[in-house]
C-alpha atoms as a PDB file:
ATOM      1  CA  MET A   1     -19.789  21.160 -21.235  1.00  0.00           C
ATOM      2  CA  ARG A   2     -19.493  24.528 -22.318  1.00  0.00           C
ATOM      3  CA  PRO A   3     -17.780  25.373 -25.577  1.00  0.00           C
ATOM      4  CA  THR A   4     -15.467  27.658 -25.884  1.00  0.00           C
ATOM      5  CA  ASN A   5     -15.502  30.828 -28.347  1.00  0.00           C
ATOM      6  CA  HIS A   6     -13.620  29.062 -30.858  1.00  0.00           C
ATOM      7  CA  ALA A   7     -15.197  25.894 -30.764  1.00  0.00           C
ATOM      8  CA  GLN A   8     -18.258  27.898 -31.222  1.00  0.00           C
ATOM      9  CA  ILE A   9     -17.168  29.472 -34.470  1.00  0.00           C
ATOM     10  CA  ARG A  10     -15.170  26.629 -35.725  1.00  0.00           C
ATOM     11  CA  GLN A  11     -18.641  24.087 -35.151  1.00  0.00           C
ATOM     12  CA  GLN A  12     -20.498  26.642 -37.840  1.00  0.00           C
ATOM     13  CA  GLN A  13     -17.516  27.085 -40.070  1.00  0.00           C
ATOM     14  CA  ARG A  14     -17.705  23.704 -40.397  1.00  0.00           C
ATOM     15  CA  GLY A  15     -21.706  22.743 -40.593  1.00  0.00           C
ATOM     16  CA  ILE A  16     -21.723  20.331 -37.522  1.00  0.00           C
ATOM     17  CA  PRO A  17     -25.140  20.710 -35.693  1.00  0.00           C
ATOM     18  CA  GLN A  18     -24.732  21.129 -31.908  1.00  0.00           C
ATOM     19  CA  VAL A  19     -26.727  17.510 -31.877  1.00  0.00           C
ATOM     20  CA  VAL A  20     -23.886  15.759 -33.082  1.00  0.00           C
ATOM     21  CA  VAL A  21     -21.267  17.175 -30.212  1.00  0.00           C
ATOM     22  CA  ASP A  22     -24.366  16.512 -27.646  1.00  0.00           C
ATOM     23  CA  TRP A  23     -23.581  13.194 -29.037  1.00  0.00           C
ATOM     24  CA  LEU A  24     -20.163  12.724 -28.999  1.00  0.00           C
ATOM     25  CA  LEU A  25     -20.082  14.349 -25.507  1.00  0.00           C
ATOM     26  CA  GLU A  26     -22.606  11.598 -24.256  1.00  0.00           C
ATOM     27  CA  LEU A  27     -21.750   8.182 -26.681  1.00  0.00           C
ATOM     28  CA  GLY A  28     -18.626   9.292 -28.463  1.00  0.00           C
ATOM     29  CA  SER A  29     -15.166   6.983 -27.753  1.00  0.00           C
ATOM     30  CA  THR A  30     -12.311   8.901 -25.935  1.00  0.00           C
ATOM     31  CA  GLU A  31      -8.802   8.870 -26.580  1.00  0.00           C
ATOM     32  CA  HIS A  32      -6.105  10.723 -24.172  1.00  0.00           C
ATOM     33  CA  THR A  33      -3.536  12.740 -25.903  1.00  0.00           C
ATOM     34  CA  HIS A  34      -0.234  13.686 -24.724  1.00  0.00           C
ATOM     35  CA  ASP A  35      -0.991  17.497 -23.849  1.00  0.00           C
ATOM     36  CA  GLY A  36      -3.612  16.285 -21.375  1.00  0.00           C
ATOM     37  CA  THR A  37      -6.483  16.861 -23.532  1.00  0.00           C
ATOM     38  CA  GLU A  38      -9.260  14.145 -24.852  1.00  0.00           C
ATOM     39  CA  VAL A  39     -10.295  13.734 -28.677  1.00  0.00           C
ATOM     40  CA  LEU A  40     -13.881  12.301 -28.558  1.00  0.00           C
ATOM     41  CA  TYR A  41     -14.768  10.464 -31.875  1.00  0.00           C
ATOM     42  CA  PHE A  42     -17.350   7.850 -33.086  1.00  0.00           C
ATOM     43  CA  ASP A  43     -15.715   4.404 -33.761  1.00  0.00           C
ATOM     44  CA  LYS A  44     -17.540   0.980 -34.301  1.00  0.00           C
ATOM     45  CA  ALA A  45     -18.468   0.849 -30.549  1.00  0.00           C
ATOM     46  CA  ALA A  46     -19.440   4.208 -30.298  1.00  0.00           C
ATOM     47  CA  ARG A  47     -21.502   4.239 -33.804  1.00  0.00           C
ATOM     48  CA  LYS A  48     -23.207   1.045 -32.147  1.00  0.00           C
ATOM     49  CA  ARG A  49     -24.550   3.076 -29.364  1.00  0.00           C
ATOM     50  CA  LEU A  50     -25.530   5.762 -31.320  1.00  0.00           C
ATOM     51  CA  ASN A  51     -27.543   3.549 -33.314  1.00  0.00           C
ATOM     52  CA  GLY A  52     -29.304   2.333 -30.251  1.00  0.00           C
ATOM     53  CA  TYR A  53     -29.719   5.761 -28.862  1.00  0.00           C
ATOM     54  CA  LEU A  54     -31.249   6.744 -32.093  1.00  0.00           C
ATOM     55  CA  GLY A  55     -33.399   3.530 -32.377  1.00  0.00           C
ATOM     56  CA  GLY A  56     -31.693   2.705 -35.908  1.00  0.00           C
ATOM     57  CA  GLY A  57     -33.510   2.888 -39.130  1.00  0.00           C
ATOM     58  CA  SER A  58     -33.667   6.059 -41.317  1.00  0.00           C
ATOM     59  CA  LEU A  59     -32.732   8.319 -38.266  1.00  0.00           C
ATOM     60  CA  PHE A  60     -29.385   6.742 -38.080  1.00  0.00           C
ATOM     61  CA  SER A  61     -29.028   6.914 -41.562  1.00  0.00           C
ATOM     62  CA  HIS A  62     -29.510  10.440 -41.636  1.00  0.00           C
ATOM     63  CA  ALA A  63     -26.896  10.839 -39.195  1.00  0.00           C
ATOM     64  CA  GLU A  64     -24.356   9.047 -40.715  1.00  0.00           C
ATOM     65  CA  GLU A  65     -22.959  11.748 -42.303  1.00  0.00           C
ATOM     66  CA  TYR A  66     -21.715  13.460 -38.997  1.00  0.00           C
ATOM     67  CA  LEU A  67     -20.148  10.258 -37.582  1.00  0.00           C
ATOM     68  CA  ASP A  68     -16.548  11.563 -39.176  1.00  0.00           C
ATOM     69  CA  THR A  69     -16.776  14.271 -36.423  1.00  0.00           C
ATOM     70  CA  TYR A  70     -14.532  14.728 -33.521  1.00  0.00           C
ATOM     71  CA  ALA A  71     -14.415  17.006 -30.600  1.00  0.00           C
ATOM     72  CA  VAL A  72     -11.382  18.151 -28.175  1.00  0.00           C
ATOM     73  CA  VAL A  73     -12.073  18.391 -24.632  1.00  0.00           C
ATOM     74  CA  SER A  74     -10.154  19.940 -21.992  1.00  0.00           C
ATOM     75  CA  SER A  75     -11.177  21.291 -18.368  1.00  0.00           C
ATOM     76  CA  GLY A  76     -14.844  20.610 -18.956  1.00  0.00           C
ATOM     77  CA  LYS A  77     -14.846  22.578 -22.270  1.00  0.00           C
ATOM     78  CA  VAL A  78     -15.151  21.914 -25.564  1.00  0.00           C
ATOM     79  CA  ILE A  79     -11.726  23.226 -27.312  1.00  0.00           C
ATOM     80  CA  THR A  80     -12.929  22.507 -30.662  1.00  0.00           C
ATOM     81  CA  VAL A  81     -14.785  20.541 -33.539  1.00  0.00           C
ATOM     82  CA  GLY A  82     -14.050  19.283 -36.784  1.00  0.00           C
ATOM     83  CA  HIS A  83     -14.157  16.263 -39.506  1.00  0.00           C
ATOM     84  CA  ARG A  84     -11.766  13.214 -39.059  1.00  0.00           C
ATOM     85  CA  TYR A  85      -9.693  13.045 -42.228  1.00  0.00           C
ATOM     86  CA  ASN A  86      -7.118  10.514 -40.811  1.00  0.00           C
ATOM     87  CA  ARG A  87      -7.319   7.695 -37.970  1.00  0.00           C
ATOM     88  CA  ILE A  88      -7.194   8.881 -34.638  1.00  0.00           C
ATOM     89  CA  ASN A  89      -3.866   7.432 -33.217  1.00  0.00           C
ATOM     90  CA  ARG A  90      -4.682   4.762 -30.175  1.00  0.00           C
ATOM     91  CA  HIS A  91      -2.118   4.099 -27.491  1.00  0.00           C
END
């Protein structure tokens, strides 16, 4: 999935590695929004999937600092990425 120019800039500004965005796209949970976009994030189930994917142990513990990350996706493009400070409202 291709990132927009905006997403690339925000990812760099916010210090989010590309591998974390890839994990979100592959393993993250999805919440659909009212404007037709999707928010990908790590909830409890996604964290379990990531832990299994990374094989647990120290690699997962290093990734924990990025588990508050989210990505907004629309039309096959990553629109923006950031750090969650609030809960994601589920419908």
